[in-house]
Amino acid sequence: MAEHTFKTSGVCATQIDFKIEDGKLHDIVFTGGCPGNLQAISKLLEGADAKETAELLRGNDCRGRGTSCADQLAIAINETLDK
């Protein structure tokens, strides 16, 4: 299972590390950002379908930034799946 690292843009979290195995998300870790919320997101998404998760989280906005940590995760997942 390869680890993926994504440098975020426009949010408080600076990086997202995660793994995808058999289309499922594992070991999601946000660097920076709101610890309680991002740890909860990581726990809730453990083992979730990567494609469905990206569709669900895409476009989520944080305080008018045009993106959010969840949206950045969706972008990271899509970039990884498109490789």
C-alpha atoms as a PDB file:
ATOM      1  CA  MET A   1       0.000   0.000   0.000  1.00  0.00           C
ATOM      2  CA  ALA A   2       1.700   3.191  -1.196  1.00  0.00           C
ATOM      3  CA  GLU A   3       1.519   6.360   0.862  1.00  0.00           C
ATOM      4  CA  HIS A   4       0.428   9.529  -0.885  1.00  0.00           C
ATOM      5  CA  THR A   5       1.358  13.048   0.193  1.00  0.00           C
ATOM      6  CA  PHE A   6      -0.564  16.109  -0.928  1.00  0.00           C
ATOM      7  CA  LYS A   7       0.511  19.698  -0.271  1.00  0.00           C
ATOM      8  CA  THR A   8      -2.657  21.697   0.363  1.00  0.00           C
ATOM      9  CA  SER A   9      -3.513  25.199  -0.823  1.00  0.00           C
ATOM     10  CA  GLY A  10      -5.756  27.834   0.751  1.00  0.00           C
ATOM     11  CA  VAL A  11      -6.405  26.030   4.044  1.00  0.00           C
ATOM     12  CA  CYS A  12      -4.871  25.826   7.510  1.00  0.00           C
ATOM     13  CA  ALA A  13      -3.690  22.237   7.077  1.00  0.00           C
ATOM     14  CA  THR A  14      -0.455  22.226   5.091  1.00  0.00           C
ATOM     15  CA  GLN A  15      -0.333  18.578   4.045  1.00  0.00           C
ATOM     16  CA  ILE A  16      -2.456  15.451   3.828  1.00  0.00           C
ATOM     17  CA  ASP A  17      -0.954  11.957   3.910  1.00  0.00           C
ATOM     18  CA  PHE A  18      -3.089   8.925   3.103  1.00  0.00           C
ATOM     19  CA  LYS A  19      -3.113   5.489   1.544  1.00  0.00           C
ATOM     20  CA  ILE A  20      -5.493   3.868  -0.924  1.00  0.00           C
ATOM     21  CA  GLU A  21      -5.700   0.098  -1.122  1.00  0.00           C
ATOM     22  CA  ASP A  22      -8.291  -1.709  -3.235  1.00  0.00           C
ATOM     23  CA  GLY A  23     -10.108   1.604  -3.674  1.00  0.00           C
ATOM     24  CA  LYS A  24     -10.402   2.200   0.089  1.00  0.00           C
ATOM     25  CA  LEU A  25      -8.891   5.029   2.166  1.00  0.00           C
ATOM     26  CA  HIS A  26      -6.507   4.305   5.030  1.00  0.00           C
ATOM     27  CA  ASP A  27      -4.260   6.157   7.470  1.00  0.00           C
ATOM     28  CA  ILE A  28      -5.406   9.710   6.641  1.00  0.00           C
ATOM     29  CA  VAL A  29      -3.282  12.275   8.486  1.00  0.00           C
ATOM     30  CA  PHE A  30      -3.656  16.055   8.205  1.00  0.00           C
ATOM     31  CA  THR A  31      -0.698  18.255   9.165  1.00  0.00           C
ATOM     32  CA  GLY A  32      -1.933  21.470  10.757  1.00  0.00           C
ATOM     33  CA  GLY A  33      -5.513  22.663  10.666  1.00  0.00           C
ATOM     34  CA  CYS A  34      -8.178  22.049  13.316  1.00  0.00           C
ATOM     35  CA  PRO A  35      -6.968  18.920  15.121  1.00  0.00           C
ATOM     36  CA  GLY A  36     -10.247  17.698  16.588  1.00  0.00           C
ATOM     37  CA  ASN A  37     -12.233  18.050  13.377  1.00  0.00           C
ATOM     38  CA  LEU A  38      -9.523  16.614  11.142  1.00  0.00           C
ATOM     39  CA  GLN A  39      -8.873  13.658  13.438  1.00  0.00           C
ATOM     40  CA  ALA A  40     -12.609  12.953  13.381  1.00  0.00           C
ATOM     41  CA  ILE A  41     -12.685  13.123   9.569  1.00  0.00           C
ATOM     42  CA  SER A  42      -9.743  10.705   9.441  1.00  0.00           C
ATOM     43  CA  LYS A  43     -11.484   8.231  11.757  1.00  0.00           C
ATOM     44  CA  LEU A  44     -14.814   8.464   9.940  1.00  0.00           C
ATOM     45  CA  LEU A  45     -13.198   7.881   6.548  1.00  0.00           C
ATOM     46  CA  GLU A  46     -10.989   4.924   7.525  1.00  0.00           C
ATOM     47  CA  GLY A  47     -11.841   2.154   5.059  1.00  0.00           C
ATOM     48  CA  ALA A  48     -14.253   4.336   3.071  1.00  0.00           C
ATOM     49  CA  ASP A  49     -14.491   4.094  -0.703  1.00  0.00           C
ATOM     50  CA  ALA A  50     -12.035   6.650  -2.096  1.00  0.00           C
ATOM     51  CA  LYS A  51     -14.061   7.649  -5.154  1.00  0.00           C
ATOM     52  CA  GLU A  52     -17.309   8.077  -3.204  1.00  0.00           C
ATOM     53  CA  THR A  53     -15.486  10.087  -0.537  1.00  0.00           C
ATOM     54  CA  ALA A  54     -14.012  12.447  -3.134  1.00  0.00           C
ATOM     55  CA  GLU A  55     -17.468  13.008  -4.637  1.00  0.00           C
ATOM     56  CA  LEU A  56     -18.980  13.654  -1.192  1.00  0.00           C
ATOM     57  CA  LEU A  57     -16.308  16.120  -0.010  1.00  0.00           C
ATOM     58  CA  ARG A  58     -15.610  17.980  -3.270  1.00  0.00           C
ATOM     59  CA  GLY A  59     -16.630  21.629  -3.136  1.00  0.00           C
ATOM     60  CA  ASN A  60     -16.953  21.851   0.654  1.00  0.00           C
ATOM     61  CA  ASP A  61     -16.083  25.460   1.567  1.00  0.00           C
ATOM     62  CA  CYS A  62     -14.482  26.875   4.717  1.00  0.00           C
ATOM     63  CA  ARG A  63     -15.342  30.484   5.522  1.00  0.00           C
ATOM     64  CA  GLY A  64     -15.552  31.663   1.920  1.00  0.00           C
ATOM     65  CA  ARG A  65     -12.083  30.418   0.970  1.00  0.00           C
ATOM     66  CA  GLY A  66     -13.410  28.494  -1.995  1.00  0.00           C
ATOM     67  CA  THR A  67     -11.951  25.303  -0.519  1.00  0.00           C
ATOM     68  CA  SER A  68     -11.582  23.476   2.802  1.00  0.00           C
ATOM     69  CA  CYS A  69      -9.485  20.713   4.279  1.00  0.00           C
ATOM     70  CA  ALA A  70     -12.189  18.241   3.204  1.00  0.00           C
ATOM     71  CA  ASP A  71     -12.208  19.696  -0.315  1.00  0.00           C
ATOM     72  CA  GLN A  72      -8.418  19.474  -0.421  1.00  0.00           C
ATOM     73  CA  LEU A  73      -8.662  15.799   0.547  1.00  0.00           C
ATOM     74  CA  ALA A  74     -11.126  15.275  -2.312  1.00  0.00           C
ATOM     75  CA  ILE A  75      -8.689  16.943  -4.724  1.00  0.00           C
ATOM     76  CA  ALA A  76      -5.831  14.778  -3.404  1.00  0.00           C
ATOM     77  CA  ILE A  77      -7.869  11.594  -3.797  1.00  0.00           C
ATOM     78  CA  ASN A  78      -8.900  12.496  -7.351  1.00  0.00           C
ATOM     79  CA  GLU A  79      -5.311  13.311  -8.333  1.00  0.00           C
ATOM     80  CA  THR A  80      -4.169   9.975  -6.924  1.00  0.00           C
ATOM     81  CA  LEU A  81      -6.918   8.000  -8.647  1.00  0.00           C
ATOM     82  CA  ASP A  82      -6.230   9.741 -11.963  1.00  0.00           C
ATOM     83  CA  LYS A  83      -2.595   8.573 -12.006  1.00  0.00           C
END
